[in-house]
Amino acid sequence: LRQLFEAQKADCDLKLGELDMSMCDFGTSLHRKCDLLDAIVHDKEFIRGENRTDMWSEADRRAEWHAVQTAACLLEAVRDETNLSQPQAEACANARPYPYTFDYKLSSEEGARQTV
């Protein structure tokens, strides 16, 4: 009976050690994912910042897209040998909306939380 108890205790001790290692691995993974989530939230806030005007801002990308589309409309008018006023060029560019939409909240924060 004593040998059976000792064998069972040794098995339980082994499983307890494995459990401890698994918990540590989980904790390490959790911290890594939380750090990544913090980085994503920081980047999202940095990119979407209302008062930013540098080349990394979302507003700048949208403005750049609009300027390129306006230029494309003007070049197409030259190619087609038609006159295009500034309001017509703006209307042409506005007909080509910024195609990139990204739901930052769903894609980053909630998505990251779902994998933790």
PDB file of N, CA and C in Angstrom:
ATOM      1  N   LEU A   1       0.835  -1.194   0.000  1.00  0.00           N
ATOM      2  CA  LEU A   1       0.000   0.000   0.000  1.00  0.00           C
ATOM      3  C   LEU A   1       0.877   1.255   0.000  1.00  0.00           C
ATOM      4  N   ARG A   2       1.968   1.180   0.762  1.00  0.00           N
ATOM      5  CA  ARG A   2       2.885   2.315   0.837  1.00  0.00           C
ATOM      6  C   ARG A   2       3.520   2.575  -0.531  1.00  0.00           C
ATOM      7  N   GLN A   3       3.867   1.487  -1.254  1.00  0.00           N
ATOM      8  CA  GLN A   3       4.472   1.641  -2.573  1.00  0.00           C
ATOM      9  C   GLN A   3       3.486   2.265  -3.565  1.00  0.00           C
ATOM     10  N   LEU A   4       2.241   1.868  -3.476  1.00  0.00           N
ATOM     11  CA  LEU A   4       1.206   2.431  -4.341  1.00  0.00           C
ATOM     12  C   LEU A   4       1.046   3.922  -4.075  1.00  0.00           C
ATOM     13  N   PHE A   5       1.037   4.293  -2.797  1.00  0.00           N
ATOM     14  CA  PHE A   5       0.935   5.705  -2.419  1.00  0.00           C
ATOM     15  C   PHE A   5       2.129   6.481  -2.964  1.00  0.00           C
ATOM     16  N   GLU A   6       3.330   5.974  -2.805  1.00  0.00           N
ATOM     17  CA  GLU A   6       4.536   6.656  -3.261  1.00  0.00           C
ATOM     18  C   GLU A   6       4.541   6.814  -4.789  1.00  0.00           C
ATOM     19  N   ALA A   7       4.079   5.769  -5.486  1.00  0.00           N
ATOM     20  CA  ALA A   7       4.017   5.828  -6.950  1.00  0.00           C
ATOM     21  C   ALA A   7       3.018   6.895  -7.401  1.00  0.00           C
ATOM     22  N   GLN A   8       1.862   6.919  -6.722  1.00  0.00           N
ATOM     23  CA  GLN A   8       0.841   7.923  -7.073  1.00  0.00           C
ATOM     24  C   GLN A   8       1.331   9.323  -6.754  1.00  0.00           C
ATOM     25  N   LYS A   9       2.013   9.499  -5.628  1.00  0.00           N
ATOM     26  CA  LYS A   9       2.554  10.802  -5.232  1.00  0.00           C
ATOM     27  C   LYS A   9       3.595  11.269  -6.248  1.00  0.00           C
ATOM     28  N   ALA A  10       4.447  10.363  -6.707  1.00  0.00           N
ATOM     29  CA  ALA A  10       5.459  10.719  -7.707  1.00  0.00           C
ATOM     30  C   ALA A  10       4.788  11.150  -9.012  1.00  0.00           C
ATOM     31  N   ASP A  11       3.736  10.443  -9.391  1.00  0.00           N
ATOM     32  CA  ASP A  11       3.001  10.806 -10.603  1.00  0.00           C
ATOM     33  C   ASP A  11       2.348  12.182 -10.446  1.00  0.00           C
ATOM     34  N   CYS A  12       1.746  12.423  -9.299  1.00  0.00           N
ATOM     35  CA  CYS A  12       1.117  13.726  -9.036  1.00  0.00           C
ATOM     36  C   CYS A  12       2.160  14.839  -9.014  1.00  0.00           C
ATOM     37  N   ASP A  13       3.317  14.586  -8.407  1.00  0.00           N
ATOM     38  CA  ASP A  13       4.387  15.588  -8.375  1.00  0.00           C
ATOM     39  C   ASP A  13       4.841  15.930  -9.794  1.00  0.00           C
ATOM     40  N   LEU A  14       4.957  14.916 -10.644  1.00  0.00           N
ATOM     41  CA  LEU A  14       5.356  15.133 -12.032  1.00  0.00           C
ATOM     42  C   LEU A  14       4.307  15.983 -12.761  1.00  0.00           C
ATOM     43  N   LYS A  15       3.039  15.633 -12.573  1.00  0.00           N
ATOM     44  CA  LYS A  15       1.967  16.385 -13.226  1.00  0.00           C
ATOM     45  C   LYS A  15       1.890  17.817 -12.684  1.00  0.00           C
ATOM     46  N   LEU A  16       2.165  18.004 -11.412  1.00  0.00           N
ATOM     47  CA  LEU A  16       2.176  19.342 -10.826  1.00  0.00           C
ATOM     48  C   LEU A  16       3.290  20.180 -11.451  1.00  0.00           C
ATOM     49  N   GLY A  17       4.440  19.580 -11.661  1.00  0.00           N
ATOM     50  CA  GLY A  17       5.545  20.283 -12.331  1.00  0.00           C
ATOM     51  C   GLY A  17       5.178  20.676 -13.754  1.00  0.00           C
ATOM     52  N   GLU A  18       4.522  19.765 -14.466  1.00  0.00           N
ATOM     53  CA  GLU A  18       4.082  20.062 -15.837  1.00  0.00           C
ATOM     54  C   GLU A  18       3.040  21.181 -15.839  1.00  0.00           C
ATOM     55  N   LEU A  19       2.139  21.152 -14.853  1.00  0.00           N
ATOM     56  CA  LEU A  19       1.131  22.196 -14.726  1.00  0.00           C
ATOM     57  C   LEU A  19       1.791  23.551 -14.467  1.00  0.00           C
ATOM     58  N   ASP A  20       2.768  23.576 -13.579  1.00  0.00           N
ATOM     59  CA  ASP A  20       3.481  24.824 -13.293  1.00  0.00           C
ATOM     60  C   ASP A  20       4.139  25.372 -14.556  1.00  0.00           C
ATOM     61  N   MET A  21       4.774  24.506 -15.327  1.00  0.00           N
ATOM     62  CA  MET A  21       5.418  24.936 -16.567  1.00  0.00           C
ATOM     63  C   MET A  21       4.385  25.455 -17.557  1.00  0.00           C
ATOM     64  N   SER A  22       3.256  24.775 -17.662  1.00  0.00           N
ATOM     65  CA  SER A  22       2.197  25.219 -18.571  1.00  0.00           C
ATOM     66  C   SER A  22       1.653  26.581 -18.157  1.00  0.00           C
ATOM     67  N   MET A  23       1.482  26.781 -16.863  1.00  0.00           N
ATOM     68  CA  MET A  23       0.996  28.079 -16.370  1.00  0.00           C
ATOM     69  C   MET A  23       2.009  29.176 -16.669  1.00  0.00           C
ATOM     70  N   CYS A  24       3.280  28.893 -16.505  1.00  0.00           N
ATOM     71  CA  CYS A  24       4.325  29.876 -16.814  1.00  0.00           C
ATOM     72  C   CYS A  24       4.337  30.193 -18.308  1.00  0.00           C
ATOM     73  N   ASP A  25       4.218  29.154 -19.134  1.00  0.00           N
ATOM     74  CA  ASP A  25       4.175  29.376 -20.582  1.00  0.00           C
ATOM     75  C   ASP A  25       2.970  30.221 -20.966  1.00  0.00           C
ATOM     76  N   PHE A  26       1.826  29.939 -20.345  1.00  0.00           N
ATOM     77  CA  PHE A  26       0.621  30.722 -20.605  1.00  0.00           C
ATOM     78  C   PHE A  26       0.843  32.172 -20.197  1.00  0.00           C
ATOM     79  N   GLY A  27       1.414  32.390 -19.023  1.00  0.00           N
ATOM     80  CA  GLY A  27       1.666  33.746 -18.546  1.00  0.00           C
ATOM     81  C   GLY A  27       2.611  34.506 -19.468  1.00  0.00           C
ATOM     82  N   THR A  28       3.651  33.831 -19.927  1.00  0.00           N
ATOM     83  CA  THR A  28       4.595  34.459 -20.852  1.00  0.00           C
ATOM     84  C   THR A  28       3.890  34.832 -22.153  1.00  0.00           C
ATOM     85  N   SER A  29       3.097  33.912 -22.667  1.00  0.00           N
ATOM     86  CA  SER A  29       2.352  34.165 -23.896  1.00  0.00           C
ATOM     87  C   SER A  29       1.360  35.309 -23.702  1.00  0.00           C
ATOM     88  N   LEU A  30       0.687  35.327 -22.573  1.00  0.00           N
ATOM     89  CA  LEU A  30      -0.276  36.386 -22.271  1.00  0.00           C
ATOM     90  C   LEU A  30       0.411  37.747 -22.235  1.00  0.00           C
ATOM     91  N   HIS A  31       1.546  37.836 -21.564  1.00  0.00           N
ATOM     92  CA  HIS A  31       2.270  39.109 -21.494  1.00  0.00           C
ATOM     93  C   HIS A  31       2.735  39.551 -22.874  1.00  0.00           C
ATOM     94  N   ARG A  32       3.194  38.620 -23.676  1.00  0.00           N
ATOM     95  CA  ARG A  32       3.637  38.944 -25.035  1.00  0.00           C
ATOM     96  C   ARG A  32       2.473  39.502 -25.848  1.00  0.00           C
ATOM     97  N   LYS A  33       1.319  38.848 -25.744  1.00  0.00           N
ATOM     98  CA  LYS A  33       0.151  39.305 -26.492  1.00  0.00           C
ATOM     99  C   LYS A  33      -0.348  40.649 -25.975  1.00  0.00           C
ATOM    100  N   CYS A  34      -0.298  40.846 -24.684  1.00  0.00           N
ATOM    101  CA  CYS A  34      -0.707  42.139 -24.124  1.00  0.00           C
ATOM    102  C   CYS A  34       0.241  43.243 -24.579  1.00  0.00           C
ATOM    103  N   ASP A  35       1.522  42.950 -24.650  1.00  0.00           N
ATOM    104  CA  ASP A  35       2.488  43.933 -25.147  1.00  0.00           C
ATOM    105  C   ASP A  35       2.203  44.263 -26.613  1.00  0.00           C
ATOM    106  N   LEU A  36       1.875  43.238 -27.399  1.00  0.00           N
ATOM    107  CA  LEU A  36       1.538  43.472 -28.805  1.00  0.00           C
ATOM    108  C   LEU A  36       0.271  44.306 -28.928  1.00  0.00           C
ATOM    109  N   LEU A  37      -0.715  44.019 -28.084  1.00  0.00           N
ATOM    110  CA  LEU A  37      -1.945  44.795 -28.096  1.00  0.00           C
ATOM    111  C   LEU A  37      -1.653  46.250 -27.750  1.00  0.00           C
ATOM    112  N   ASP A  38      -0.838  46.482 -26.746  1.00  0.00           N
ATOM    113  CA  ASP A  38      -0.469  47.854 -26.390  1.00  0.00           C
ATOM    114  C   ASP A  38       0.197  48.557 -27.566  1.00  0.00           C
ATOM    115  N   ALA A  39       1.065  47.854 -28.272  1.00  0.00           N
ATOM    116  CA  ALA A  39       1.745  48.439 -29.432  1.00  0.00           C
ATOM    117  C   ALA A  39       0.749  48.769 -30.540  1.00  0.00           C
ATOM    118  N   ILE A  40      -0.215  47.875 -30.755  1.00  0.00           N
ATOM    119  CA  ILE A  40      -1.232  48.113 -31.784  1.00  0.00           C
ATOM    120  C   ILE A  40      -2.079  49.324 -31.415  1.00  0.00           C
ATOM    121  N   VAL A  41      -2.508  49.397 -30.164  1.00  0.00           N
ATOM    122  CA  VAL A  41      -3.327  50.531 -29.713  1.00  0.00           C
ATOM    123  C   VAL A  41      -2.527  51.825 -29.853  1.00  0.00           C
ATOM    124  N   HIS A  42      -1.263  51.801 -29.470  1.00  0.00           N
ATOM    125  CA  HIS A  42      -0.420  52.995 -29.600  1.00  0.00           C
ATOM    126  C   HIS A  42      -0.298  53.405 -31.066  1.00  0.00           C
ATOM    127  N   ASP A  43      -0.024  52.438 -31.944  1.00  0.00           N
ATOM    128  CA  ASP A  43       0.116  52.749 -33.366  1.00  0.00           C
ATOM    129  C   ASP A  43      -1.189  53.285 -33.941  1.00  0.00           C
ATOM    130  N   LYS A  44      -2.297  52.675 -33.538  1.00  0.00           N
ATOM    131  CA  LYS A  44      -3.600  53.135 -34.029  1.00  0.00           C
ATOM    132  C   LYS A  44      -3.839  54.579 -33.617  1.00  0.00           C
ATOM    133  N   GLU A  45      -3.571  54.882 -32.357  1.00  0.00           N
ATOM    134  CA  GLU A  45      -3.753  56.252 -31.884  1.00  0.00           C
ATOM    135  C   GLU A  45      -2.793  57.202 -32.588  1.00  0.00           C
ATOM    136  N   PHE A  46      -1.582  56.740 -32.843  1.00  0.00           N
ATOM    137  CA  PHE A  46      -0.592  57.558 -33.536  1.00  0.00           C
ATOM    138  C   PHE A  46      -1.040  57.860 -34.961  1.00  0.00           C
ATOM    139  N   ILE A  47      -1.505  56.834 -35.678  1.00  0.00           N
ATOM    140  CA  ILE A  47      -1.917  56.992 -37.062  1.00  0.00           C
ATOM    141  C   ILE A  47      -3.203  57.810 -37.175  1.00  0.00           C
ATOM    142  N   ARG A  48      -4.151  57.547 -36.300  1.00  0.00           N
ATOM    143  CA  ARG A  48      -5.455  58.193 -36.395  1.00  0.00           C
ATOM    144  C   ARG A  48      -5.504  59.537 -35.683  1.00  0.00           C
ATOM    145  N   GLY A  49      -4.390  60.007 -35.144  1.00  0.00           N
ATOM    146  CA  GLY A  49      -4.361  61.254 -34.396  1.00  0.00           C
ATOM    147  C   GLY A  49      -4.977  62.411 -35.156  1.00  0.00           C
ATOM    148  N   GLU A  50      -5.858  63.129 -34.505  1.00  0.00           N
ATOM    149  CA  GLU A  50      -6.590  64.219 -35.135  1.00  0.00           C
ATOM    150  C   GLU A  50      -5.692  65.386 -35.527  1.00  0.00           C
ATOM    151  N   ASN A  51      -4.702  65.700 -34.724  1.00  0.00           N
ATOM    152  CA  ASN A  51      -3.894  66.894 -34.940  1.00  0.00           C
ATOM    153  C   ASN A  51      -2.608  66.615 -35.699  1.00  0.00           C
ATOM    154  N   ARG A  52      -2.471  65.439 -36.234  1.00  0.00           N
ATOM    155  CA  ARG A  52      -1.235  65.090 -36.933  1.00  0.00           C
ATOM    156  C   ARG A  52      -1.328  65.474 -38.395  1.00  0.00           C
ATOM    157  N   THR A  53      -0.229  65.917 -38.937  1.00  0.00           N
ATOM    158  CA  THR A  53      -0.183  66.262 -40.351  1.00  0.00           C
ATOM    159  C   THR A  53       1.048  65.677 -41.019  1.00  0.00           C
ATOM    160  N   ASP A  54       1.751  64.786 -40.339  1.00  0.00           N
ATOM    161  CA  ASP A  54       2.945  64.210 -40.951  1.00  0.00           C
ATOM    162  C   ASP A  54       2.560  63.099 -41.924  1.00  0.00           C
ATOM    163  N   MET A  55       3.562  62.567 -42.605  1.00  0.00           N
ATOM    164  CA  MET A  55       3.288  61.595 -43.656  1.00  0.00           C
ATOM    165  C   MET A  55       2.771  60.257 -43.146  1.00  0.00           C
ATOM    166  N   TRP A  56       2.772  60.031 -41.865  1.00  0.00           N
ATOM    167  CA  TRP A  56       2.294  58.760 -41.328  1.00  0.00           C
ATOM    168  C   TRP A  56       0.831  58.838 -40.903  1.00  0.00           C
ATOM    169  N   SER A  57       0.220  60.001 -40.973  1.00  0.00           N
ATOM    170  CA  SER A  57      -1.150  60.147 -40.483  1.00  0.00           C
ATOM    171  C   SER A  57      -2.162  59.677 -41.522  1.00  0.00           C
ATOM    172  N   GLU A  58      -3.274  59.227 -41.031  1.00  0.00           N
ATOM    173  CA  GLU A  58      -4.365  58.796 -41.897  1.00  0.00           C
ATOM    174  C   GLU A  58      -4.888  59.984 -42.699  1.00  0.00           C
ATOM    175  N   ALA A  59      -4.997  61.139 -42.077  1.00  0.00           N
ATOM    176  CA  ALA A  59      -5.485  62.330 -42.769  1.00  0.00           C
ATOM    177  C   ALA A  59      -4.555  62.691 -43.935  1.00  0.00           C
ATOM    178  N   ASP A  60      -3.259  62.559 -43.718  1.00  0.00           N
ATOM    179  CA  ASP A  60      -2.309  62.862 -44.787  1.00  0.00           C
ATOM    180  C   ASP A  60      -2.460  61.870 -45.937  1.00  0.00           C
ATOM    181  N   ARG A  61      -2.656  60.603 -45.632  1.00  0.00           N
ATOM    182  CA  ARG A  61      -2.851  59.607 -46.689  1.00  0.00           C
ATOM    183  C   ARG A  61      -4.089  59.932 -47.515  1.00  0.00           C
ATOM    184  N   ARG A  62      -5.157  60.317 -46.823  1.00  0.00           N
ATOM    185  CA  ARG A  62      -6.386  60.660 -47.537  1.00  0.00           C
ATOM    186  C   ARG A  62      -6.192  61.901 -48.412  1.00  0.00           C
ATOM    187  N   ALA A  63      -5.504  62.901 -47.878  1.00  0.00           N
ATOM    188  CA  ALA A  63      -5.241  64.123 -48.647  1.00  0.00           C
ATOM    189  C   ALA A  63      -4.361  63.815 -49.851  1.00  0.00           C
ATOM    190  N   GLU A  64      -3.369  62.968 -49.648  1.00  0.00           N
ATOM    191  CA  GLU A  64      -2.478  62.579 -50.749  1.00  0.00           C
ATOM    192  C   GLU A  64      -3.254  61.824 -51.819  1.00  0.00           C
ATOM    193  N   TRP A  65      -4.136  60.936 -51.391  1.00  0.00           N
ATOM    194  CA  TRP A  65      -4.968  60.192 -52.338  1.00  0.00           C
ATOM    195  C   TRP A  65      -5.795  61.165 -53.167  1.00  0.00           C
ATOM    196  N   HIS A  66      -6.420  62.127 -52.505  1.00  0.00           N
ATOM    197  CA  HIS A  66      -7.265  63.098 -53.205  1.00  0.00           C
ATOM    198  C   HIS A  66      -6.436  63.916 -54.199  1.00  0.00           C
ATOM    199  N   ALA A  67      -5.242  64.354 -53.799  1.00  0.00           N
ATOM    200  CA  ALA A  67      -4.386  65.139 -54.693  1.00  0.00           C
ATOM    201  C   ALA A  67      -3.976  64.323 -55.915  1.00  0.00           C
ATOM    202  N   VAL A  68      -3.646  63.066 -55.712  1.00  0.00           N
ATOM    203  CA  VAL A  68      -3.255  62.203 -56.837  1.00  0.00           C
ATOM    204  C   VAL A  68      -4.448  61.987 -57.769  1.00  0.00           C
ATOM    205  N   GLN A  69      -5.616  61.790 -57.206  1.00  0.00           N
ATOM    206  CA  GLN A  69      -6.797  61.580 -58.036  1.00  0.00           C
ATOM    207  C   GLN A  69      -7.134  62.837 -58.830  1.00  0.00           C
ATOM    208  N   THR A  70      -6.965  64.004 -58.214  1.00  0.00           N
ATOM    209  CA  THR A  70      -7.193  65.264 -58.926  1.00  0.00           C
ATOM    210  C   THR A  70      -6.215  65.384 -60.086  1.00  0.00           C
ATOM    211  N   ALA A  71      -4.943  65.077 -59.826  1.00  0.00           N
ATOM    212  CA  ALA A  71      -3.934  65.126 -60.891  1.00  0.00           C
ATOM    213  C   ALA A  71      -4.272  64.126 -61.990  1.00  0.00           C
ATOM    214  N   ALA A  72      -4.725  62.952 -61.626  1.00  0.00           N
ATOM    215  CA  ALA A  72      -5.093  61.946 -62.625  1.00  0.00           C
ATOM    216  C   ALA A  72      -6.248  62.446 -63.492  1.00  0.00           C
ATOM    217  N   CYS A  73      -7.214  63.096 -62.874  1.00  0.00           N
ATOM    218  CA  CYS A  73      -8.337  63.650 -63.635  1.00  0.00           C
ATOM    219  C   CYS A  73      -7.851  64.711 -64.611  1.00  0.00           C
ATOM    220  N   LEU A  74      -6.944  65.578 -64.159  1.00  0.00           N
ATOM    221  CA  LEU A  74      -6.402  66.619 -65.028  1.00  0.00           C
ATOM    222  C   LEU A  74      -5.608  66.002 -66.183  1.00  0.00           C
ATOM    223  N   LEU A  75      -4.800  64.982 -65.903  1.00  0.00           N
ATOM    224  CA  LEU A  75      -4.029  64.317 -66.955  1.00  0.00           C
ATOM    225  C   LEU A  75      -4.949  63.618 -67.961  1.00  0.00           C
ATOM    226  N   GLU A  76      -6.022  63.016 -67.471  1.00  0.00           N
ATOM    227  CA  GLU A  76      -6.978  62.373 -68.379  1.00  0.00           C
ATOM    228  C   GLU A  76      -7.642  63.415 -69.270  1.00  0.00           C
ATOM    229  N   ALA A  77      -7.909  64.595 -68.718  1.00  0.00           N
ATOM    230  CA  ALA A  77      -8.508  65.673 -69.517  1.00  0.00           C
ATOM    231  C   ALA A  77      -7.537  66.125 -70.604  1.00  0.00           C
ATOM    232  N   VAL A  78      -6.251  66.237 -70.270  1.00  0.00           N
ATOM    233  CA  VAL A  78      -5.245  66.606 -71.267  1.00  0.00           C
ATOM    234  C   VAL A  78      -5.166  65.524 -72.343  1.00  0.00           C
ATOM    235  N   ARG A  79      -5.148  64.280 -71.918  1.00  0.00           N
ATOM    236  CA  ARG A  79      -5.085  63.163 -72.866  1.00  0.00           C
ATOM    237  C   ARG A  79      -6.285  63.182 -73.811  1.00  0.00           C
ATOM    238  N   ASP A  80      -7.454  63.452 -73.237  1.00  0.00           N
ATOM    239  CA  ASP A  80      -8.688  63.463 -74.033  1.00  0.00           C
ATOM    240  C   ASP A  80      -8.902  64.784 -74.755  1.00  0.00           C
ATOM    241  N   GLU A  81      -7.955  65.726 -74.562  1.00  0.00           N
ATOM    242  CA  GLU A  81      -8.017  67.047 -75.171  1.00  0.00           C
ATOM    243  C   GLU A  81      -9.317  67.771 -74.833  1.00  0.00           C
ATOM    244  N   THR A  82      -9.693  67.726 -73.551  1.00  0.00           N
ATOM    245  CA  THR A  82     -10.859  68.457 -73.073  1.00  0.00           C
ATOM    246  C   THR A  82     -10.404  69.454 -72.023  1.00  0.00           C
ATOM    247  N   ASN A  83     -11.210  70.495 -71.882  1.00  0.00           N
ATOM    248  CA  ASN A  83     -10.925  71.484 -70.841  1.00  0.00           C
ATOM    249  C   ASN A  83     -11.588  71.030 -69.557  1.00  0.00           C
ATOM    250  N   LEU A  84     -10.872  71.185 -68.466  1.00  0.00           N
ATOM    251  CA  LEU A  84     -11.395  70.754 -67.170  1.00  0.00           C
ATOM    252  C   LEU A  84     -11.118  71.857 -66.166  1.00  0.00           C
ATOM    253  N   SER A  85     -12.170  72.432 -65.645  1.00  0.00           N
ATOM    254  CA  SER A  85     -12.002  73.488 -64.648  1.00  0.00           C
ATOM    255  C   SER A  85     -11.618  72.868 -63.305  1.00  0.00           C
ATOM    256  N   GLN A  86     -11.153  73.709 -62.410  1.00  0.00           N
ATOM    257  CA  GLN A  86     -10.784  73.211 -61.069  1.00  0.00           C
ATOM    258  C   GLN A  86     -11.972  72.551 -60.374  1.00  0.00           C
ATOM    259  N   PRO A  87     -13.175  73.170 -60.389  1.00  0.00           N
ATOM    260  CA  PRO A  87     -14.321  72.477 -59.763  1.00  0.00           C
ATOM    261  C   PRO A  87     -14.634  71.129 -60.419  1.00  0.00           C
ATOM    262  N   GLN A  88     -14.461  71.053 -61.735  1.00  0.00           N
ATOM    263  CA  GLN A  88     -14.702  69.780 -62.418  1.00  0.00           C
ATOM    264  C   GLN A  88     -13.642  68.747 -62.031  1.00  0.00           C
ATOM    265  N   ALA A  89     -12.392  69.197 -61.886  1.00  0.00           N
ATOM    266  CA  ALA A  89     -11.320  68.295 -61.455  1.00  0.00           C
ATOM    267  C   ALA A  89     -11.588  67.790 -60.044  1.00  0.00           C
ATOM    268  N   GLU A  90     -12.054  68.683 -59.162  1.00  0.00           N
ATOM    269  CA  GLU A  90     -12.404  68.274 -57.794  1.00  0.00           C
ATOM    270  C   GLU A  90     -13.542  67.258 -57.806  1.00  0.00           C
ATOM    271  N   ALA A  91     -14.556  67.534 -58.630  1.00  0.00           N
ATOM    272  CA  ALA A  91     -15.688  66.600 -58.723  1.00  0.00           C
ATOM    273  C   ALA A  91     -15.222  65.249 -59.247  1.00  0.00           C
ATOM    274  N   CYS A  92     -14.325  65.281 -60.229  1.00  0.00           N
ATOM    275  CA  CYS A  92     -13.774  64.032 -60.771  1.00  0.00           C
ATOM    276  C   CYS A  92     -13.022  63.273 -59.679  1.00  0.00           C
ATOM    277  N   ALA A  93     -12.187  63.984 -58.927  1.00  0.00           N
ATOM    278  CA  ALA A  93     -11.413  63.342 -57.857  1.00  0.00           C
ATOM    279  C   ALA A  93     -12.330  62.813 -56.761  1.00  0.00           C
ATOM    280  N   ASN A  94     -13.376  63.570 -56.441  1.00  0.00           N
ATOM    281  CA  ASN A  94     -14.313  63.128 -55.399  1.00  0.00           C
ATOM    282  C   ASN A  94     -15.089  61.887 -55.824  1.00  0.00           C
ATOM    283  N   ALA A  95     -15.182  61.673 -57.120  1.00  0.00           N
ATOM    284  CA  ALA A  95     -15.866  60.478 -57.632  1.00  0.00           C
ATOM    285  C   ALA A  95     -15.006  59.235 -57.444  1.00  0.00           C
ATOM    286  N   ARG A  96     -13.757  59.440 -57.039  1.00  0.00           N
ATOM    287  CA  ARG A  96     -12.822  58.330 -56.780  1.00  0.00           C
ATOM    288  C   ARG A  96     -12.456  58.361 -55.304  1.00  0.00           C
ATOM    289  N   PRO A  97     -13.337  57.880 -54.456  1.00  0.00           N
ATOM    290  CA  PRO A  97     -13.101  57.997 -53.007  1.00  0.00           C
ATOM    291  C   PRO A  97     -11.916  57.148 -52.537  1.00  0.00           C
ATOM    292  N   TYR A  98     -11.395  57.539 -51.426  1.00  0.00           N
ATOM    293  CA  TYR A  98     -10.297  56.811 -50.790  1.00  0.00           C
ATOM    294  C   TYR A  98     -10.753  55.375 -50.550  1.00  0.00           C
ATOM    295  N   PRO A  99     -10.092  54.401 -51.162  1.00  0.00           N
ATOM    296  CA  PRO A  99     -10.624  53.030 -51.151  1.00  0.00           C
ATOM    297  C   PRO A  99     -10.290  52.218 -49.910  1.00  0.00           C
ATOM    298  N   TYR A 100      -9.405  52.719 -49.082  1.00  0.00           N
ATOM    299  CA  TYR A 100      -8.932  51.899 -47.979  1.00  0.00           C
ATOM    300  C   TYR A 100      -9.661  52.251 -46.693  1.00  0.00           C
ATOM    301  N   THR A 101     -10.437  51.333 -46.242  1.00  0.00           N
ATOM    302  CA  THR A 101     -11.079  51.504 -44.944  1.00  0.00           C
ATOM    303  C   THR A 101     -10.604  50.362 -44.066  1.00  0.00           C
ATOM    304  N   PHE A 102     -10.362  50.681 -42.842  1.00  0.00           N
ATOM    305  CA  PHE A 102      -9.827  49.690 -41.924  1.00  0.00           C
ATOM    306  C   PHE A 102     -10.461  49.927 -40.568  1.00  0.00           C
ATOM    307  N   ASP A 103     -11.173  48.944 -40.089  1.00  0.00           N
ATOM    308  CA  ASP A 103     -11.802  49.055 -38.778  1.00  0.00           C
ATOM    309  C   ASP A 103     -10.753  48.735 -37.731  1.00  0.00           C
ATOM    310  N   TYR A 104     -10.053  49.774 -37.298  1.00  0.00           N
ATOM    311  CA  TYR A 104      -8.946  49.582 -36.362  1.00  0.00           C
ATOM    312  C   TYR A 104      -9.394  48.863 -35.101  1.00  0.00           C
ATOM    313  N   LYS A 105     -10.542  49.223 -34.568  1.00  0.00           N
ATOM    314  CA  LYS A 105     -10.976  48.643 -33.303  1.00  0.00           C
ATOM    315  C   LYS A 105     -11.196  47.144 -33.445  1.00  0.00           C
ATOM    316  N   LEU A 106     -11.989  46.761 -34.421  1.00  0.00           N
ATOM    317  CA  LEU A 106     -12.284  45.343 -34.583  1.00  0.00           C
ATOM    318  C   LEU A 106     -11.031  44.557 -34.953  1.00  0.00           C
ATOM    319  N   SER A 107     -10.241  45.095 -35.859  1.00  0.00           N
ATOM    320  CA  SER A 107      -9.099  44.337 -36.355  1.00  0.00           C
ATOM    321  C   SER A 107      -7.969  44.229 -35.348  1.00  0.00           C
ATOM    322  N   SER A 108      -7.774  45.248 -34.537  1.00  0.00           N
ATOM    323  CA  SER A 108      -6.609  45.206 -33.654  1.00  0.00           C
ATOM    324  C   SER A 108      -6.984  44.829 -32.232  1.00  0.00           C
ATOM    325  N   GLU A 109      -7.755  45.662 -31.569  1.00  0.00           N
ATOM    326  CA  GLU A 109      -8.010  45.448 -30.151  1.00  0.00           C
ATOM    327  C   GLU A 109      -8.842  44.191 -29.893  1.00  0.00           C
ATOM    328  N   GLU A 110      -9.996  44.107 -30.547  1.00  0.00           N
ATOM    329  CA  GLU A 110     -10.845  42.948 -30.284  1.00  0.00           C
ATOM    330  C   GLU A 110     -10.229  41.667 -30.830  1.00  0.00           C
ATOM    331  N   GLY A 111      -9.609  41.777 -32.003  1.00  0.00           N
ATOM    332  CA  GLY A 111      -8.951  40.604 -32.583  1.00  0.00           C
ATOM    333  C   GLY A 111      -7.836  40.093 -31.706  1.00  0.00           C
ATOM    334  N   ALA A 112      -7.058  41.007 -31.169  1.00  0.00           N
ATOM    335  CA  ALA A 112      -5.967  40.609 -30.295  1.00  0.00           C
ATOM    336  C   ALA A 112      -6.500  40.002 -28.996  1.00  0.00           C
ATOM    337  N   ARG A 113      -7.567  40.564 -28.488  1.00  0.00           N
ATOM    338  CA  ARG A 113      -8.141  40.034 -27.243  1.00  0.00           C
ATOM    339  C   ARG A 113      -8.706  38.637 -27.451  1.00  0.00           C
ATOM    340  N   GLN A 114      -9.213  38.381 -28.650  1.00  0.00           N
ATOM    341  CA  GLN A 114      -9.779  37.063 -28.920  1.00  0.00           C
ATOM    342  C   GLN A 114      -8.722  35.981 -28.960  1.00  0.00           C
ATOM    343  N   THR A 115      -7.474  36.345 -29.228  1.00  0.00           N
ATOM    344  CA  THR A 115      -6.423  35.335 -29.318  1.00  0.00           C
ATOM    345  C   THR A 115      -5.688  35.162 -28.009  1.00  0.00           C
ATOM    346  N   VAL A 116      -5.970  36.002 -27.008  1.00  0.00           N
ATOM    347  CA  VAL A 116      -5.273  35.901 -25.721  1.00  0.00           C
ATOM    348  C   VAL A 116      -5.796  34.728 -24.942  1.00  0.00           C
TER     349      VAL A 116
END
